[in-house]
């Protein structure tokens, strides 16, 4: 998937008092991180919110945010301007976007900002759950499952948290959409700008260089390689591309 170097993505997650939004549930935490040029910029938006209602016990069991903790926190209307400024014009990357977008729209409506109560009019929405289902049909595509599939460390995620989950989702999204934004195998110097942008994918043949020395893997390395492929197959629910090609070649 090609991306413009200056295209701005905001990876977003929320926690709520429960669900659904139609039963009066509210946002209690918003976490966002910014990605530009396939890199986290370090800019983020994070806030806990006073929802003016109690959270469901089931929701507290998921995110661990108690009603007592939220006493004295700002209300959504207090942070609406800062939040909108952070996300405006960006591509919002959200896992199960319909849930979060529905709550965000509701919060803007309750804050009396009807012009912002359809956030898709101000941002592009990209749902990583739909993306994952298209790429991994028939498999589990929760955030935890995707972290495992793409070898992303989520060991600190004992409970859901909007900022932590947005950071994990950023890693998952970058892994799902894959690789470098530009490719150059021409041995560029530090001041050589070729290979940047859309015209930089030329691959040049290197001539006049002696062939490299071939070093065969040891028995221990081959065994470790086989164990790694088995772990990849177990995580992905099927053989890796390398295994499939090897089996086809052997057949």
C-alpha atoms as a PDB file:
ATOM      1  CA  UNK A   1       0.000   0.000   0.000  1.00  0.00           C
ATOM      2  CA  UNK A   2       1.623   3.246  -1.115  1.00  0.00           C
ATOM      3  CA  UNK A   3       1.445   6.281   1.100  1.00  0.00           C
ATOM      4  CA  UNK A   4       2.503   9.854   0.549  1.00  0.00           C
ATOM      5  CA  UNK A   5       5.398  10.890   2.762  1.00  0.00           C
ATOM      6  CA  UNK A   6       3.459  13.826   4.191  1.00  0.00           C
ATOM      7  CA  UNK A   7       0.137  12.025   4.658  1.00  0.00           C
ATOM      8  CA  UNK A   8      -1.015  12.287   8.252  1.00  0.00           C
ATOM      9  CA  UNK A   9      -2.509   9.360  10.149  1.00  0.00           C
ATOM     10  CA  UNK A  10      -3.959   9.451  13.652  1.00  0.00           C
ATOM     11  CA  UNK A  11      -4.253   6.055  15.316  1.00  0.00           C
ATOM     12  CA  UNK A  12      -7.179   6.324  17.725  1.00  0.00           C
ATOM     13  CA  UNK A  13      -8.855   4.334  20.482  1.00  0.00           C
ATOM     14  CA  UNK A  14     -11.481   5.063  23.128  1.00  0.00           C
ATOM     15  CA  UNK A  15     -12.750   3.490  26.336  1.00  0.00           C
ATOM     16  CA  UNK A  16     -16.372   3.922  27.397  1.00  0.00           C
ATOM     17  CA  UNK A  17     -18.757   3.437  30.295  1.00  0.00           C
ATOM     18  CA  UNK A  18     -20.265   0.498  28.404  1.00  0.00           C
ATOM     19  CA  UNK A  19     -22.249  -0.134  25.264  1.00  0.00           C
ATOM     20  CA  UNK A  20     -24.168   0.657  23.159  1.00  0.00           C
ATOM     21  CA  UNK A  21     -24.040   4.400  22.737  1.00  0.00           C
ATOM     22  CA  UNK A  22     -27.808   4.421  22.155  1.00  0.00           C
ATOM     23  CA  UNK A  23     -28.292   3.545  25.838  1.00  0.00           C
ATOM     24  CA  UNK A  24     -26.551   6.702  26.997  1.00  0.00           C
ATOM     25  CA  UNK A  25     -23.030   5.350  27.407  1.00  0.00           C
ATOM     26  CA  UNK A  26     -20.201   7.862  27.195  1.00  0.00           C
ATOM     27  CA  UNK A  27     -16.488   8.061  26.384  1.00  0.00           C
ATOM     28  CA  UNK A  28     -14.195   8.050  29.441  1.00  0.00           C
ATOM     29  CA  UNK A  29     -10.791   7.887  27.727  1.00  0.00           C
ATOM     30  CA  UNK A  30      -9.393   8.943  24.354  1.00  0.00           C
ATOM     31  CA  UNK A  31      -5.925   7.993  23.151  1.00  0.00           C
ATOM     32  CA  UNK A  32      -4.365   9.019  19.826  1.00  0.00           C
ATOM     33  CA  UNK A  33      -0.885   8.829  18.322  1.00  0.00           C
ATOM     34  CA  UNK A  34       0.298  10.538  15.138  1.00  0.00           C
ATOM     35  CA  UNK A  35       2.017   8.767  12.234  1.00  0.00           C
ATOM     36  CA  UNK A  36       3.559  10.618   9.286  1.00  0.00           C
ATOM     37  CA  UNK A  37       5.685   8.939   6.627  1.00  0.00           C
ATOM     38  CA  UNK A  38       5.109   5.557   8.311  1.00  0.00           C
ATOM     39  CA  UNK A  39       6.816   6.799  11.471  1.00  0.00           C
ATOM     40  CA  UNK A  40       5.429   7.686  14.890  1.00  0.00           C
ATOM     41  CA  UNK A  41       6.115  11.388  15.326  1.00  0.00           C
ATOM     42  CA  UNK A  42       5.907  11.394  19.129  1.00  0.00           C
ATOM     43  CA  UNK A  43       2.847  13.672  19.092  1.00  0.00           C
ATOM     44  CA  UNK A  44      -0.172  12.272  20.880  1.00  0.00           C
ATOM     45  CA  UNK A  45      -3.485  13.243  22.439  1.00  0.00           C
ATOM     46  CA  UNK A  46      -4.600  11.520  25.625  1.00  0.00           C
ATOM     47  CA  UNK A  47      -7.299  12.388  28.145  1.00  0.00           C
ATOM     48  CA  UNK A  48      -9.565  10.804  30.758  1.00  0.00           C
ATOM     49  CA  UNK A  49     -13.104  12.186  30.856  1.00  0.00           C
ATOM     50  CA  UNK A  50     -15.846  12.623  33.452  1.00  0.00           C
ATOM     51  CA  UNK A  51     -18.908  10.998  31.828  1.00  0.00           C
ATOM     52  CA  UNK A  52     -21.563  12.162  34.326  1.00  0.00           C
ATOM     53  CA  UNK A  53     -22.813   8.599  34.698  1.00  0.00           C
ATOM     54  CA  UNK A  54     -21.628   5.330  36.187  1.00  0.00           C
ATOM     55  CA  UNK A  55     -19.699   2.752  34.191  1.00  0.00           C
ATOM     56  CA  UNK A  56     -21.052  -0.762  33.788  1.00  0.00           C
ATOM     57  CA  UNK A  57     -19.285  -3.367  35.882  1.00  0.00           C
ATOM     58  CA  UNK A  58     -18.441  -5.329  32.745  1.00  0.00           C
ATOM     59  CA  UNK A  59     -16.769  -2.286  31.184  1.00  0.00           C
ATOM     60  CA  UNK A  60     -14.699  -1.644  34.327  1.00  0.00           C
ATOM     61  CA  UNK A  61     -13.537  -5.260  34.202  1.00  0.00           C
ATOM     62  CA  UNK A  62     -12.250  -4.605  30.678  1.00  0.00           C
ATOM     63  CA  UNK A  63     -10.469  -1.259  31.151  1.00  0.00           C
ATOM     64  CA  UNK A  64     -10.097  -0.940  34.935  1.00  0.00           C
ATOM     65  CA  UNK A  65     -11.156   2.724  34.968  1.00  0.00           C
ATOM     66  CA  UNK A  66     -13.355   3.267  38.021  1.00  0.00           C
ATOM     67  CA  UNK A  67     -15.996   5.931  38.593  1.00  0.00           C
ATOM     68  CA  UNK A  68     -13.959   7.248  41.541  1.00  0.00           C
ATOM     69  CA  UNK A  69     -10.891   7.719  39.327  1.00  0.00           C
ATOM     70  CA  UNK A  70     -12.884   9.909  36.910  1.00  0.00           C
ATOM     71  CA  UNK A  71     -14.139  12.335  39.545  1.00  0.00           C
ATOM     72  CA  UNK A  72     -12.724  15.776  38.749  1.00  0.00           C
ATOM     73  CA  UNK A  73     -11.600  14.853  35.239  1.00  0.00           C
ATOM     74  CA  UNK A  74     -12.596  17.213  32.399  1.00  0.00           C
ATOM     75  CA  UNK A  75     -15.780  16.667  30.430  1.00  0.00           C
ATOM     76  CA  UNK A  76     -15.695  16.110  26.679  1.00  0.00           C
ATOM     77  CA  UNK A  77     -16.907  19.654  26.019  1.00  0.00           C
ATOM     78  CA  UNK A  78     -13.837  20.949  27.868  1.00  0.00           C
ATOM     79  CA  UNK A  79     -11.417  19.202  25.485  1.00  0.00           C
ATOM     80  CA  UNK A  80     -13.512  19.135  22.290  1.00  0.00           C
ATOM     81  CA  UNK A  81     -11.589  21.946  20.565  1.00  0.00           C
ATOM     82  CA  UNK A  82      -8.167  20.473  21.299  1.00  0.00           C
ATOM     83  CA  UNK A  83      -9.294  16.984  20.276  1.00  0.00           C
ATOM     84  CA  UNK A  84     -10.861  18.183  17.022  1.00  0.00           C
ATOM     85  CA  UNK A  85      -7.739  20.182  16.153  1.00  0.00           C
ATOM     86  CA  UNK A  86      -5.626  17.036  16.629  1.00  0.00           C
ATOM     87  CA  UNK A  87      -7.711  14.804  14.358  1.00  0.00           C
ATOM     88  CA  UNK A  88      -9.026  17.257  11.764  1.00  0.00           C
ATOM     89  CA  UNK A  89      -8.017  16.354   8.196  1.00  0.00           C
ATOM     90  CA  UNK A  90      -6.182  13.192   9.231  1.00  0.00           C
ATOM     91  CA  UNK A  91      -6.855   9.594   8.297  1.00  0.00           C
ATOM     92  CA  UNK A  92      -8.193   8.055  11.498  1.00  0.00           C
ATOM     93  CA  UNK A  93      -6.985   4.473  11.904  1.00  0.00           C
ATOM     94  CA  UNK A  94      -9.350   2.676  14.294  1.00  0.00           C
ATOM     95  CA  UNK A  95      -9.956  -0.985  15.139  1.00  0.00           C
ATOM     96  CA  UNK A  96     -13.704  -1.619  14.801  1.00  0.00           C
ATOM     97  CA  UNK A  97     -14.202   1.979  13.734  1.00  0.00           C
ATOM     98  CA  UNK A  98     -18.009   1.961  13.833  1.00  0.00           C
ATOM     99  CA  UNK A  99     -17.908   1.660  17.632  1.00  0.00           C
ATOM    100  CA  UNK A 100     -15.490   4.540  18.304  1.00  0.00           C
ATOM    101  CA  UNK A 101     -16.861   6.810  15.575  1.00  0.00           C
ATOM    102  CA  UNK A 102     -20.395   6.376  16.905  1.00  0.00           C
ATOM    103  CA  UNK A 103     -19.286   7.447  20.373  1.00  0.00           C
ATOM    104  CA  UNK A 104     -17.216  10.383  19.071  1.00  0.00           C
ATOM    105  CA  UNK A 105     -20.129  11.648  16.979  1.00  0.00           C
ATOM    106  CA  UNK A 106     -22.384  11.378  20.019  1.00  0.00           C
ATOM    107  CA  UNK A 107     -19.979  13.328  22.226  1.00  0.00           C
ATOM    108  CA  UNK A 108     -19.754  16.197  19.735  1.00  0.00           C
ATOM    109  CA  UNK A 109     -23.558  16.247  19.460  1.00  0.00           C
ATOM    110  CA  UNK A 110     -23.971  16.352  23.260  1.00  0.00           C
ATOM    111  CA  UNK A 111     -21.408  19.165  23.393  1.00  0.00           C
ATOM    112  CA  UNK A 112     -23.623  21.216  21.070  1.00  0.00           C
ATOM    113  CA  UNK A 113     -21.227  20.956  18.116  1.00  0.00           C
ATOM    114  CA  UNK A 114     -23.576  19.592  15.483  1.00  0.00           C
ATOM    115  CA  UNK A 115     -21.199  20.519  12.643  1.00  0.00           C
ATOM    116  CA  UNK A 116     -18.677  18.026  14.058  1.00  0.00           C
ATOM    117  CA  UNK A 117     -21.178  15.302  14.971  1.00  0.00           C
ATOM    118  CA  UNK A 118     -20.354  13.409  11.758  1.00  0.00           C
ATOM    119  CA  UNK A 119     -16.614  13.107  12.099  1.00  0.00           C
ATOM    120  CA  UNK A 120     -16.298  11.330   8.736  1.00  0.00           C
ATOM    121  CA  UNK A 121     -16.989  14.726   7.138  1.00  0.00           C
ATOM    122  CA  UNK A 122     -13.741  16.029   8.636  1.00  0.00           C
ATOM    123  CA  UNK A 123     -11.494  12.942   8.574  1.00  0.00           C
ATOM    124  CA  UNK A 124     -10.954   9.816   6.514  1.00  0.00           C
ATOM    125  CA  UNK A 125     -11.855   6.673   8.473  1.00  0.00           C
ATOM    126  CA  UNK A 126      -9.765   3.511   8.044  1.00  0.00           C
ATOM    127  CA  UNK A 127     -11.017   0.435   9.934  1.00  0.00           C
ATOM    128  CA  UNK A 128      -8.197  -1.994  10.702  1.00  0.00           C
ATOM    129  CA  UNK A 129     -10.690  -4.697  11.717  1.00  0.00           C
ATOM    130  CA  UNK A 130     -12.128  -4.709   8.183  1.00  0.00           C
ATOM    131  CA  UNK A 131      -8.607  -4.599   6.759  1.00  0.00           C
ATOM    132  CA  UNK A 132      -7.535  -7.548   8.926  1.00  0.00           C
ATOM    133  CA  UNK A 133     -10.618  -9.591   7.990  1.00  0.00           C
ATOM    134  CA  UNK A 134      -9.844  -9.055   4.307  1.00  0.00           C
ATOM    135  CA  UNK A 135      -6.213 -10.121   4.782  1.00  0.00           C
ATOM    136  CA  UNK A 136      -6.831 -12.951   7.242  1.00  0.00           C
ATOM    137  CA  UNK A 137     -10.294 -14.384   6.466  1.00  0.00           C
ATOM    138  CA  UNK A 138     -11.590 -16.945   8.915  1.00  0.00           C
ATOM    139  CA  UNK A 139      -9.026 -16.060  11.585  1.00  0.00           C
ATOM    140  CA  UNK A 140      -9.283 -14.178  14.872  1.00  0.00           C
ATOM    141  CA  UNK A 141      -8.583 -10.504  14.240  1.00  0.00           C
ATOM    142  CA  UNK A 142      -8.775  -8.916  17.676  1.00  0.00           C
ATOM    143  CA  UNK A 143      -5.967  -6.515  18.578  1.00  0.00           C
ATOM    144  CA  UNK A 144      -4.356  -9.189  20.762  1.00  0.00           C
ATOM    145  CA  UNK A 145      -4.580 -11.760  17.966  1.00  0.00           C
ATOM    146  CA  UNK A 146      -3.024  -9.339  15.473  1.00  0.00           C
ATOM    147  CA  UNK A 147      -0.216  -8.477  17.885  1.00  0.00           C
ATOM    148  CA  UNK A 148       0.563 -12.183  18.141  1.00  0.00           C
ATOM    149  CA  UNK A 149       0.333 -12.690  14.377  1.00  0.00           C
ATOM    150  CA  UNK A 150       2.703  -9.813  13.625  1.00  0.00           C
ATOM    151  CA  UNK A 151       5.054 -10.522  16.544  1.00  0.00           C
ATOM    152  CA  UNK A 152       4.275  -7.265  18.367  1.00  0.00           C
ATOM    153  CA  UNK A 153       4.916  -7.249  22.112  1.00  0.00           C
ATOM    154  CA  UNK A 154       1.650  -6.629  23.959  1.00  0.00           C
ATOM    155  CA  UNK A 155       2.766  -8.157  27.261  1.00  0.00           C
ATOM    156  CA  UNK A 156       1.927  -4.911  29.086  1.00  0.00           C
ATOM    157  CA  UNK A 157      -1.725  -5.060  28.009  1.00  0.00           C
ATOM    158  CA  UNK A 158      -3.335  -6.654  31.055  1.00  0.00           C
ATOM    159  CA  UNK A 159      -6.291  -4.261  30.695  1.00  0.00           C
ATOM    160  CA  UNK A 160      -7.521  -2.193  27.768  1.00  0.00           C
ATOM    161  CA  UNK A 161      -6.296   1.401  27.705  1.00  0.00           C
ATOM    162  CA  UNK A 162      -6.889   3.913  24.935  1.00  0.00           C
ATOM    163  CA  UNK A 163      -3.346   5.277  24.657  1.00  0.00           C
ATOM    164  CA  UNK A 164      -1.615   1.894  24.972  1.00  0.00           C
ATOM    165  CA  UNK A 165      -4.037   0.320  22.506  1.00  0.00           C
ATOM    166  CA  UNK A 166      -3.533   3.127  19.988  1.00  0.00           C
ATOM    167  CA  UNK A 167       0.241   2.610  20.213  1.00  0.00           C
ATOM    168  CA  UNK A 168      -0.147  -1.142  19.684  1.00  0.00           C
ATOM    169  CA  UNK A 169      -2.573  -0.539  16.817  1.00  0.00           C
ATOM    170  CA  UNK A 170      -0.039   1.772  15.170  1.00  0.00           C
ATOM    171  CA  UNK A 171       2.493  -1.079  15.155  1.00  0.00           C
ATOM    172  CA  UNK A 172      -0.138  -3.515  13.863  1.00  0.00           C
ATOM    173  CA  UNK A 173      -1.262  -1.140  11.102  1.00  0.00           C
ATOM    174  CA  UNK A 174       2.290  -0.495   9.915  1.00  0.00           C
ATOM    175  CA  UNK A 175       2.985  -4.242   9.928  1.00  0.00           C
ATOM    176  CA  UNK A 176      -0.227  -5.054   8.033  1.00  0.00           C
ATOM    177  CA  UNK A 177       0.391  -2.430   5.384  1.00  0.00           C
ATOM    178  CA  UNK A 178       3.981  -3.529   5.122  1.00  0.00           C
ATOM    179  CA  UNK A 179       7.546  -2.524   4.617  1.00  0.00           C
ATOM    180  CA  UNK A 180       9.378   0.540   3.469  1.00  0.00           C
ATOM    181  CA  UNK A 181       7.805   3.568   1.814  1.00  0.00           C
ATOM    182  CA  UNK A 182      10.607   3.801  -0.753  1.00  0.00           C
ATOM    183  CA  UNK A 183      13.058   1.249  -2.115  1.00  0.00           C
ATOM    184  CA  UNK A 184      16.530   1.883  -3.430  1.00  0.00           C
ATOM    185  CA  UNK A 185      19.253  -0.712  -3.879  1.00  0.00           C
ATOM    186  CA  UNK A 186      21.674   1.586  -5.652  1.00  0.00           C
ATOM    187  CA  UNK A 187      24.137   2.226  -2.824  1.00  0.00           C
ATOM    188  CA  UNK A 188      23.259   5.900  -2.542  1.00  0.00           C
ATOM    189  CA  UNK A 189      25.467   8.396  -0.813  1.00  0.00           C
ATOM    190  CA  UNK A 190      24.208  10.579   2.008  1.00  0.00           C
ATOM    191  CA  UNK A 191      23.595  13.498  -0.340  1.00  0.00           C
ATOM    192  CA  UNK A 192      22.033  11.462  -3.146  1.00  0.00           C
ATOM    193  CA  UNK A 193      18.281  12.122  -3.319  1.00  0.00           C
ATOM    194  CA  UNK A 194      17.539   9.533  -5.980  1.00  0.00           C
ATOM    195  CA  UNK A 195      15.229   6.825  -4.744  1.00  0.00           C
ATOM    196  CA  UNK A 196      13.042   9.263  -2.800  1.00  0.00           C
ATOM    197  CA  UNK A 197       9.358   9.381  -3.622  1.00  0.00           C
ATOM    198  CA  UNK A 198       7.552   7.841  -6.548  1.00  0.00           C
ATOM    199  CA  UNK A 199      10.531   7.795  -8.877  1.00  0.00           C
ATOM    200  CA  UNK A 200      12.917   6.048  -6.478  1.00  0.00           C
ATOM    201  CA  UNK A 201      12.279   2.350  -7.022  1.00  0.00           C
ATOM    202  CA  UNK A 202      14.869   1.771  -9.751  1.00  0.00           C
ATOM    203  CA  UNK A 203      17.080  -1.294  -9.101  1.00  0.00           C
ATOM    204  CA  UNK A 204      20.533  -1.072 -10.656  1.00  0.00           C
ATOM    205  CA  UNK A 205      22.804  -4.020 -11.406  1.00  0.00           C
ATOM    206  CA  UNK A 206      26.140  -3.918  -9.581  1.00  0.00           C
ATOM    207  CA  UNK A 207      29.015  -4.854 -11.907  1.00  0.00           C
ATOM    208  CA  UNK A 208      32.701  -5.485 -11.413  1.00  0.00           C
ATOM    209  CA  UNK A 209      32.347  -7.025  -7.960  1.00  0.00           C
ATOM    210  CA  UNK A 210      33.638 -10.504  -7.071  1.00  0.00           C
ATOM    211  CA  UNK A 211      30.961 -13.030  -6.112  1.00  0.00           C
ATOM    212  CA  UNK A 212      30.293 -13.281  -2.395  1.00  0.00           C
ATOM    213  CA  UNK A 213      31.360 -16.266  -0.316  1.00  0.00           C
ATOM    214  CA  UNK A 214      28.615 -18.830   0.294  1.00  0.00           C
ATOM    215  CA  UNK A 215      28.323 -19.936   3.933  1.00  0.00           C
ATOM    216  CA  UNK A 216      26.095 -22.958   4.521  1.00  0.00           C
ATOM    217  CA  UNK A 217      23.911 -23.135   7.617  1.00  0.00           C
ATOM    218  CA  UNK A 218      24.961 -25.539  10.363  1.00  0.00           C
ATOM    219  CA  UNK A 219      22.735 -28.347  11.599  1.00  0.00           C
ATOM    220  CA  UNK A 220      21.892 -26.296  14.705  1.00  0.00           C
ATOM    221  CA  UNK A 221      20.925 -23.277  12.576  1.00  0.00           C
ATOM    222  CA  UNK A 222      18.758 -25.424  10.305  1.00  0.00           C
ATOM    223  CA  UNK A 223      16.994 -26.865  13.359  1.00  0.00           C
ATOM    224  CA  UNK A 224      16.414 -23.368  14.785  1.00  0.00           C
ATOM    225  CA  UNK A 225      15.077 -22.245  11.397  1.00  0.00           C
ATOM    226  CA  UNK A 226      12.625 -25.158  11.310  1.00  0.00           C
ATOM    227  CA  UNK A 227      11.434 -24.344  14.838  1.00  0.00           C
ATOM    228  CA  UNK A 228      10.880 -20.714  13.842  1.00  0.00           C
ATOM    229  CA  UNK A 229       8.846 -21.703  10.773  1.00  0.00           C
ATOM    230  CA  UNK A 230       6.739 -24.026  12.925  1.00  0.00           C
ATOM    231  CA  UNK A 231       6.054 -21.161  15.355  1.00  0.00           C
ATOM    232  CA  UNK A 232       5.066 -18.861  12.472  1.00  0.00           C
ATOM    233  CA  UNK A 233       2.711 -21.520  11.080  1.00  0.00           C
ATOM    234  CA  UNK A 234       1.109 -22.039  14.489  1.00  0.00           C
ATOM    235  CA  UNK A 235       0.591 -18.291  14.981  1.00  0.00           C
ATOM    236  CA  UNK A 236      -0.789 -17.745  11.463  1.00  0.00           C
ATOM    237  CA  UNK A 237      -2.968 -20.852  11.435  1.00  0.00           C
ATOM    238  CA  UNK A 238      -1.265 -22.284   8.353  1.00  0.00           C
ATOM    239  CA  UNK A 239       2.127 -22.825   6.716  1.00  0.00           C
ATOM    240  CA  UNK A 240       4.316 -19.844   5.983  1.00  0.00           C
ATOM    241  CA  UNK A 241       4.975 -18.796   2.385  1.00  0.00           C
ATOM    242  CA  UNK A 242       8.513 -20.173   2.728  1.00  0.00           C
ATOM    243  CA  UNK A 243       7.167 -23.595   3.799  1.00  0.00           C
ATOM    244  CA  UNK A 244       4.585 -23.624   1.015  1.00  0.00           C
ATOM    245  CA  UNK A 245       7.238 -22.826  -1.602  1.00  0.00           C
ATOM    246  CA  UNK A 246       9.630 -25.429  -0.170  1.00  0.00           C
ATOM    247  CA  UNK A 247       6.928 -28.112  -0.232  1.00  0.00           C
ATOM    248  CA  UNK A 248       5.958 -27.203  -3.803  1.00  0.00           C
ATOM    249  CA  UNK A 249       9.599 -27.326  -4.902  1.00  0.00           C
ATOM    250  CA  UNK A 250      10.147 -30.663  -3.180  1.00  0.00           C
ATOM    251  CA  UNK A 251       6.993 -32.086  -4.819  1.00  0.00           C
END
